[in-house]
Protein backbone atom coordinates (compact mmCIF):
# COMPACT_ATOMS: atom_id res chain seq x y z
CA MET A 1 59.81 124.41 120.30
CA CYS A 2 58.84 121.30 118.57
CA ARG A 3 60.90 120.19 115.89
CA CYS A 4 59.13 117.26 115.23
CA GLY A 5 59.44 115.56 111.30
CA LYS A 6 62.88 117.29 111.55
CA ARG A 7 65.68 114.58 110.65
CA VAL A 8 67.71 113.42 113.25
CA VAL A 9 71.25 113.64 113.93
CA ARG A 10 72.02 111.41 117.22
CA CYS A 11 74.88 112.34 119.42
CA GLY A 12 76.54 110.55 122.44
CA GLN A 13 78.36 111.68 125.38
CA ASP A 14 80.78 110.10 128.01
CA GLU A 15 83.22 111.27 130.80
CA SER A 16 86.63 109.16 131.20
CA ILE A 17 89.58 109.39 133.23
CA PHE A 18 92.71 109.12 132.34
CA LYS A 19 95.54 108.44 135.00
CA ALA A 20 99.53 109.27 134.30
CA ASN A 21 100.77 106.32 135.14
CA ALA A 22 98.15 103.73 133.12
CA VAL A 23 100.41 101.52 131.41
CA PRO A 24 99.83 98.43 129.23
CA ARG A 25 98.80 95.23 130.98
CA GLY A 26 101.46 93.33 128.98
CA PHE A 27 105.34 93.80 129.38
CA TRP A 28 109.05 92.49 128.23
CA ALA A 29 111.08 91.31 130.47
CA ILE A 30 114.56 90.72 129.36
CA LEU A 31 116.21 87.32 131.10
CA GLY A 32 113.40 87.54 133.70
CA VAL A 33 114.02 91.44 134.53
CA VAL A 34 111.28 93.53 133.62
CA ASN A 35 111.01 97.50 134.00
CA MET A 36 109.88 98.97 137.38
CA ARG A 37 106.51 100.04 137.62
CA LYS A 38 104.81 103.24 139.52
CA LYS A 39 103.34 101.78 142.73
CA THR A 40 100.07 104.04 142.29
CA GLU A 41 98.34 104.97 139.21
CA GLY A 42 98.99 108.68 139.79
CA VAL A 43 97.27 111.78 138.83
CA GLY A 44 94.56 111.85 136.24
CA GLU A 45 92.32 114.27 134.04
CA MET A 46 89.07 113.71 133.00
CA ALA A 47 88.00 114.33 129.40
CA SER A 48 83.66 114.73 128.84
CA TYR A 49 83.16 114.21 125.55
CA PHE A 50 80.42 114.32 122.25
CA VAL A 51 80.56 112.44 119.61
CA ASP A 52 78.17 111.84 116.46
CA GLU A 53 78.97 110.56 112.79
CA GLU A 54 79.23 113.98 111.58
CA LEU A 55 81.64 115.90 113.04
CA GLY A 56 83.47 112.86 114.91
CA LEU A 57 84.98 112.22 117.90
CA GLY A 58 85.14 115.96 120.34
CA LEU A 59 82.52 117.72 117.60
CA THR A 60 85.49 119.05 115.75
CA LEU A 61 85.00 122.29 114.10
CA THR A 62 87.10 124.55 111.67
CA ASP A 63 88.46 127.93 112.35
CA GLU A 64 85.17 129.02 110.48
CA GLN A 65 82.50 126.89 111.84
CA LEU A 66 83.44 127.91 115.68
CA ASP A 67 83.66 131.67 114.70
CA GLU A 68 79.86 130.88 112.73
CA VAL A 69 78.85 129.47 115.90
CA ASN A 70 80.02 132.33 118.19
CA ALA A 71 77.96 134.93 115.82
CA PHE A 72 75.16 132.72 116.80
CA ARG A 73 75.79 133.22 120.25
CA ALA A 74 76.29 137.18 120.32
CA ARG A 75 73.15 137.27 118.86
CA ARG A 76 70.91 135.48 121.03
CA THR A 77 67.85 136.60 122.41
CA ASP A 78 66.92 133.97 124.85
CA GLY A 79 68.76 134.43 127.76
CA GLY A 80 71.80 131.76 126.84
CA ASP A 81 75.39 132.09 127.43
CA LYS A 82 77.01 134.57 124.84
CA SER A 83 80.62 134.20 125.79
CA PRO A 84 82.62 133.15 122.84
CA LEU A 85 83.96 129.37 122.78
CA LEU A 86 87.37 129.05 122.18
CA ILE A 87 87.33 125.42 121.39
CA SER A 88 84.44 123.11 120.57
CA PRO A 89 82.32 122.68 123.05
CA GLY A 90 82.36 118.23 122.46
CA GLU A 91 85.18 118.90 123.77
CA ARG A 92 86.09 119.41 127.69
CA TYR A 93 88.98 118.74 130.64
CA LEU A 94 89.59 118.53 134.31
CA LYS A 95 92.05 118.43 136.35
CA TYR A 96 90.10 117.08 139.18
CA GLY A 97 90.97 116.67 142.65
CA LYS A 98 89.65 118.90 145.76
CA ASP A 99 93.08 121.08 145.79
CA LYS A 100 92.49 121.57 141.90
CA GLU A 101 89.37 121.95 140.08
CA GLY A 102 87.31 120.46 142.01
CA TYR A 103 84.70 117.55 140.65
CA TRP A 104 82.61 117.26 137.22
CA GLY A 105 79.07 117.68 138.24
CA TYR A 106 75.59 118.75 136.97
CA GLU A 107 76.37 122.40 136.14
CA ASP A 108 79.08 120.76 134.17
CA ILE A 109 77.44 119.13 131.90
CA CYS A 110 74.79 120.84 131.61
CA LYS A 111 76.41 124.27 130.38
CA GLN A 112 78.72 121.87 128.14
CA ALA A 113 75.18 120.14 126.20
CA MET A 114 74.25 124.03 125.76
CA ASP A 115 76.87 124.90 124.14
CA VAL A 116 77.28 121.94 122.20
CA LEU A 117 73.61 122.78 120.92
CA ASP A 118 74.43 125.77 120.19
CA VAL A 119 76.48 124.25 117.45
CA TYR A 120 73.90 122.04 116.35
CA GLU A 121 71.19 125.12 115.87
CA THR A 122 73.96 127.10 114.00
CA LEU A 123 75.35 124.47 111.28
CA MET A 124 72.42 122.13 111.37
CA PRO A 125 68.84 124.06 112.28
CA ASP A 126 66.84 121.98 109.75
CA ARG A 127 67.99 118.96 112.46
CA GLN A 128 66.06 117.41 115.67
CA VAL A 129 69.28 116.42 117.85
CA VAL A 130 69.26 113.07 120.23
CA MET A 131 71.16 113.39 122.78
CA GLU A 132 72.40 110.47 124.42
CA LEU A 133 74.14 110.39 128.06
CA ASP A 134 74.75 107.17 130.66
CA TRP A 135 72.85 107.43 133.77
CA SER A 136 75.48 109.58 136.01
CA SER A 137 73.92 111.67 138.96
CA GLY A 138 74.37 114.46 137.49
CA HIS A 139 72.93 113.65 134.11
CA ALA A 140 70.03 112.59 135.94
CA LYS A 141 69.53 114.78 138.42
CA GLN A 142 66.09 116.00 139.65
CA GLN A 143 64.29 118.65 139.19
CA GLU A 144 64.32 121.12 142.19
CA ASP A 145 60.40 120.92 142.99
CA GLY A 146 60.32 117.33 140.40
CA LEU A 147 58.20 114.58 141.57
CA ALA A 148 60.29 112.33 143.69
CA VAL A 149 59.25 110.24 145.77
CA ASN A 150 62.22 109.39 147.98
CA ARG A 151 62.07 113.34 148.73
CA MET A 152 58.53 112.76 150.23
CA ASN A 153 57.51 111.89 153.94
CA LEU A 154 54.92 110.00 155.42
CA ARG A 155 53.09 112.56 157.30
CA CYS A 156 51.95 115.60 156.30
CA GLY A 157 53.93 118.76 157.66
CA MET A 158 56.59 116.68 158.73
CA ALA A 159 60.06 118.45 158.87
CA ARG A 160 63.01 117.61 156.61
CA LYS A 161 66.54 117.94 157.76
CA THR A 162 67.03 119.75 153.89
CA GLY A 163 64.08 122.22 154.27
CA VAL A 164 60.88 121.66 153.27
CA TYR A 165 60.38 120.25 149.83
CA ILE A 166 56.33 121.07 147.95
CA PRO A 167 56.33 119.23 144.71
CA LYS A 168 55.98 121.66 141.73
CA THR A 169 55.43 125.29 143.30
CA VAL A 170 59.07 126.72 142.08
CA ASN A 171 58.90 129.67 139.17
CA ARG A 172 54.67 128.80 139.27
CA GLY A 173 51.80 131.00 140.15
CA VAL A 174 48.84 129.25 142.15
CA ALA A 175 46.84 128.26 139.25
CA ASP A 176 49.39 126.38 137.92
CA ALA A 177 50.92 125.21 140.68
CA GLY A 178 50.57 120.73 141.30
CA VAL A 179 49.74 118.33 138.35
CA ILE A 180 46.81 117.70 136.59
CA MET A 181 45.00 114.22 137.37
CA GLU A 182 45.35 111.99 134.17
CA GLU A 183 44.43 108.60 133.71
CA GLY A 184 47.25 106.69 135.50
CA CYS A 185 47.78 109.33 138.16
CA TYR A 186 45.04 108.15 140.06
CA ASN A 187 43.02 105.03 141.12
CA SER A 188 40.37 104.36 138.36
CA ALA A 189 39.63 101.36 139.77
CA PRO A 190 35.61 100.18 140.27
CA GLY A 191 34.64 101.51 143.88
CA ALA A 192 37.80 103.85 143.80
CA GLU A 193 36.53 107.10 145.15
CA LEU A 194 38.86 110.63 145.23
CA HIS A 195 39.52 113.07 148.02
CA ASN A 196 39.81 117.06 146.66
CA VAL A 197 40.69 116.02 143.88
CA LYS A 198 38.77 114.65 140.44
CA ALA A 199 39.76 113.68 136.75
CA GLY A 200 41.53 116.01 135.06
CA GLY A 201 41.36 118.77 138.51
CA ARG A 202 44.38 119.40 139.64
CA GLN A 203 46.76 118.00 142.31
CA ARG A 204 48.33 120.49 144.86
CA PHE A 205 50.75 119.38 147.12
CA ALA A 206 50.12 121.76 149.61
CA PHE A 207 47.27 122.27 151.78
CA SER A 208 44.65 124.71 150.80
CA ARG A 209 42.05 125.84 153.52
CA THR A 210 39.07 124.12 151.87
CA ASP A 211 41.56 120.40 152.03
CA ALA A 212 40.24 117.41 153.55
CA VAL A 213 42.88 115.12 155.68
CA ASN A 214 42.92 111.65 155.28
CA PRO A 215 41.55 109.59 157.70
CA VAL A 216 44.48 108.01 159.47
CA GLU A 217 45.84 111.60 160.06
CA ALA A 218 42.28 112.73 160.70
CA ASP A 219 41.89 109.87 164.01
CA ALA A 220 45.51 111.29 165.44
CA ASP A 221 44.02 114.86 165.80
CA TRP A 222 46.09 116.03 163.23
CA VAL A 223 44.31 119.67 161.34
CA PRO A 224 46.43 121.93 158.74
CA GLU A 225 47.23 124.94 160.83
CA LYS A 226 47.61 127.15 157.74
CA SER A 227 47.26 127.27 153.96
CA GLY A 228 50.65 125.41 152.47
CA THR A 229 51.27 122.80 154.54
CA VAL A 230 53.12 120.50 152.40
CA LYS A 231 51.15 116.99 152.40
CA GLY A 232 52.81 113.88 153.23
CA VAL A 233 52.53 110.42 150.84
CA LEU A 234 49.27 109.18 152.72
CA GLN A 235 47.26 112.48 152.15
CA ILE A 236 48.37 111.97 148.69
CA LEU A 237 47.25 108.38 147.97
CA TRP A 238 44.59 109.06 149.97
CA GLU A 239 43.18 111.93 147.43
CA ARG A 240 44.07 109.90 144.92
CA GLY A 241 41.62 107.18 145.97
CA PHE A 242 44.34 104.38 146.93
CA ASP A 243 43.70 102.60 149.93
CA ILE A 244 46.36 103.42 152.32
CA GLN A 245 45.33 101.07 154.91
CA ASP A 246 46.02 97.11 154.56
CA ALA A 247 43.33 94.62 155.22
CA ASN A 248 43.59 94.70 159.11
CA GLY A 249 43.21 98.57 159.08
CA LYS A 250 47.07 99.34 159.45
CA THR A 251 48.91 102.26 158.14
CA ARG A 252 50.92 100.92 155.53
CA THR A 253 54.71 101.46 155.14
CA LEU A 254 56.23 104.14 153.89
CA LYS A 255 58.27 101.97 151.79
CA ASP A 256 54.82 100.27 150.57
CA LEU A 257 52.88 104.03 149.72
CA ARG A 258 56.42 105.36 148.28
CA SER A 259 56.01 102.09 145.47
CA VAL A 260 52.47 102.62 145.16
CA LEU A 261 53.54 106.47 144.35
CA GLY A 262 55.98 106.14 142.32
CA SER A 263 54.03 103.92 139.75
CA CYS A 264 51.91 105.86 138.96
CA HIS A 265 52.10 108.02 135.40
CA ASP A 266 53.27 111.61 136.56
CA PHE A 267 55.82 110.04 138.81
CA LYS A 268 56.62 107.69 136.69
CA ASN A 269 57.11 109.59 133.97
CA GLU A 270 58.52 112.61 135.67
CA VAL A 271 62.05 114.29 133.50
CA GLY A 272 65.16 115.14 134.81
CA GLU A 273 66.45 119.22 135.50
CA LEU A 274 68.75 118.44 132.14
CA GLU A 275 66.53 116.58 130.32
CA LEU A 276 63.67 119.35 130.50
CA ARG A 277 66.69 122.04 129.32
CA VAL A 278 67.06 120.03 126.67
CA MET A 279 63.38 119.65 125.74
CA GLU A 280 63.22 123.59 125.89
CA ARG A 281 65.20 124.40 123.04
CA GLY A 282 63.41 121.11 121.40
CA HIS A 283 65.79 118.48 121.25
CA ILE A 284 65.51 115.28 123.01
CA LEU A 285 67.28 113.22 125.63
CA LEU A 286 68.19 109.96 125.99
CA MET A 287 69.28 107.82 128.80
CA SER A 288 71.59 105.14 127.34
CA PRO A 289 70.71 101.43 129.47
CA LYS A 290 72.51 100.74 132.73
CA GLY A 291 75.05 97.47 132.54
CA HIS A 292 75.09 98.12 128.77
CA PRO A 293 78.34 99.90 127.29
CA GLU A 294 78.32 98.29 123.96
CA VAL A 295 75.36 100.39 123.07
CA ALA A 296 75.92 103.80 124.22
CA GLY A 297 76.31 107.68 122.48
CA CYS A 298 77.07 106.36 119.26
CA GLY A 299 79.98 104.04 120.15
CA ILE A 300 81.88 106.10 122.41
CA GLU A 301 82.79 103.59 124.93
CA PHE A 302 84.58 101.57 121.97
CA ALA A 303 86.14 105.23 121.43
CA TRP A 304 87.15 105.22 124.84
CA ALA A 305 88.84 101.67 124.74
CA LYS A 306 91.31 103.10 121.38
CA ALA A 307 92.36 105.98 122.99
CA LYS A 308 93.48 104.60 126.33
CA ASN A 309 95.20 101.33 124.99
CA ASP A 310 97.12 104.24 122.41
CA PHE A 311 97.46 106.51 125.86
CA ARG A 312 99.32 103.49 127.86
CA ARG A 313 101.15 101.88 125.31
CA ASP A 314 102.89 105.51 124.47
CA ASN A 315 102.76 107.06 128.16
CA PRO A 316 106.34 107.80 129.37
CA MET A 317 104.98 107.92 132.67
CA SER A 318 104.72 112.01 133.80
CA ALA A 319 103.32 112.44 136.64
CA ALA A 320 102.94 116.28 137.10
CA TRP A 321 100.65 118.42 134.67
CA GLY A 322 103.06 121.35 132.53
CA LYS A 323 105.92 119.51 131.21
CA GLY A 324 106.06 120.35 127.80
CA VAL A 325 106.09 117.24 125.04
CA GLU A 326 105.17 114.96 128.31
CA ASP A 327 102.16 116.98 130.00
CA LEU A 328 99.68 115.28 130.87
CA HIS A 329 97.09 116.98 128.88
CA ASP A 330 98.63 116.96 126.17
CA ARG A 331 99.45 113.17 125.77
CA VAL A 332 95.53 112.69 126.77
CA VAL A 333 94.27 115.25 123.67
CA LYS A 334 96.81 113.24 121.23
CA SER A 335 95.48 109.75 122.07
CA LEU A 336 91.40 111.33 121.76
CA ARG A 337 92.64 113.18 118.51
CA GLY A 338 93.93 109.93 116.96
CA ILE A 339 90.49 108.79 116.56
CA ASP A 340 88.52 110.47 113.17
CA VAL A 341 85.36 110.35 111.37
CA LEU A 342 85.30 106.99 109.35
CA MET A 343 86.73 105.35 112.55
CA MET A 344 83.85 106.93 114.64
CA ARG A 345 81.04 105.79 112.16
CA ARG A 346 82.64 101.88 112.44
CA PHE A 347 82.52 102.11 116.39
CA ALA A 348 78.82 103.78 115.91
CA ARG A 349 77.75 100.42 113.59
CA LYS A 350 78.73 98.75 116.03
CA ALA A 351 77.00 100.00 118.42
CA ARG A 352 74.20 99.78 116.39
CA ASP A 353 74.44 95.75 115.55
CA TYR A 354 74.28 95.48 119.32
CA MET A 355 71.25 97.17 119.42
CA ARG A 356 69.96 95.69 116.57
CA GLY A 357 70.66 91.87 118.32
CA TYR A 358 69.19 93.27 121.53
CA ALA A 359 65.75 94.37 120.17
CA ARG A 360 65.99 90.91 117.72
CA HIS A 361 66.28 88.45 120.50
CA HIS A 362 63.95 90.79 123.12
CA GLY A 363 61.64 90.09 120.00
CA LEU A 364 60.65 93.93 119.95
CA PHE A 365 60.59 93.50 116.01
CA GLY A 366 58.75 89.77 116.95
CA TRP A 367 59.66 86.31 116.45
CA ASP A 368 58.59 84.05 112.59
CA THR A 369 58.95 80.52 114.70
CA GLU A 370 58.69 79.10 118.28
CA GLU A 371 62.56 78.61 118.10
CA GLU A 372 63.52 81.92 116.95
CA LYS A 373 62.40 82.88 120.08
CA LEU A 374 63.66 80.14 122.43
CA ALA A 375 67.56 81.05 120.76
CA GLY A 376 66.99 84.51 121.59
CA HIS A 377 66.96 83.56 124.81
CA ARG A 378 69.25 81.06 124.92
CA GLU A 379 71.55 83.61 123.07
CA ILE A 380 71.02 86.42 126.05
CA GLU A 381 70.88 84.12 128.54
CA LYS A 382 74.69 83.35 127.50
CA PHE A 383 75.97 86.83 127.35
CA MET A 384 75.03 87.52 130.75
CA LYS A 385 76.88 84.68 131.88
CA ASN A 386 79.75 86.09 130.48
CA CYS A 387 79.44 89.66 132.03
CA LYS A 388 77.92 89.08 135.06
CA THR A 389 80.32 91.62 136.70
CA HIS A 390 80.95 95.38 135.90
CA ARG A 391 80.99 95.91 132.00
CA CYS A 392 83.73 96.99 129.85
CA THR A 393 83.62 97.71 125.97
CA GLY A 394 87.47 97.44 125.68
CA ASP A 395 87.43 94.06 127.64
CA GLN A 396 84.35 92.92 125.38
CA ASP A 397 85.51 93.83 122.20
CA ARG A 398 89.06 94.81 122.84
CA ALA A 399 90.51 93.67 118.91
CA PHE A 400 87.75 95.57 117.19
CA ALA A 401 88.46 98.84 119.70
CA ILE A 402 91.99 99.04 119.15
CA SER A 403 92.07 98.25 115.63
CA GLY A 404 89.75 101.22 114.96
CA GLY A 405 86.72 99.11 114.03
CA LEU A 406 88.96 96.98 111.10
CA ARG A 407 88.71 94.26 113.34
CA GLU A 408 86.04 91.79 114.89
CA SER A 409 86.85 90.48 118.48
CA ARG A 410 86.58 86.50 118.41
CA ARG A 411 84.43 85.49 121.12
């Protein structure tokens, strides 16, 4: 269901871990004596939060709004989850660990994302949701039969330890299997010759009885024993008109061939499992740039910095769960609930300021003068020189974050 032309609501998501024994960096010393600290950070609890500029951090809902969302879920006919929500799906917690509640993965984020879409489709049915996530493994999980060069073998019919992988076959009929050969999926250079396929036709990733075999494997007396044998990278590229041998007649390496196949339009633009689920509901999922937390998820990284600062400041360091007012979960929730909608809007505005700055320095809107172009490159080089290691918004904009967006950081 396409929602093109509708107003957009942006929301971001991220996960963070709160450790029971986390304390502030600075501490008081009386006559040179300091309070004893724990040797380790202790047990932890993970929080996964969605955020936008209308409902705030955790997508706070009133009891009436939550009842409305549950009524929407109860009457749904799309096969989705009908179970009632007890709290807003914008906040989820996990006592992580092998002997506790396990670890956060794709199934967890997928369920939370679908529940969040229920909220928007109930309260904002005239909006198209643009969901922003980072590149963690669960968020970027590939489709079961998605186009992934790193899962393909060099030659046809080679067995894999994880079982046979044939792209674009799961839950598809014979007529729908494979991919359409659009512009950019094959070699369109003059003199290039396609095999078994044609421009605008469909390439399948398993042999049919009439398919020819590429010359490298044909010379090795390899012949498909039966229809349905999986094709390798050599065969797929040969069918698309690419050279699978170098100038000396030697077979190109698997790394080289995978690079060529990965640059094809269909492989390069393949969507992940979660993105597909979001698209099926008419919404958009975007992945934030790697290594740039300051632009991620509507400013959610600033919210983590603020919440963790408050958590450390008021932390009595009780390591176990279930201790009344000193319960770890209660302290995590308290630190996060201290961030209201106005504060979240200031954080989101800061993230947009960074986005505009990068766009200007990279010339996405063009440069008026050559001096502006050179100044943009100098600013980027200066910024990256100061941030060569793992980026942390809490360090980069500490004063801004812990003040709730009321004070700018000094550089």
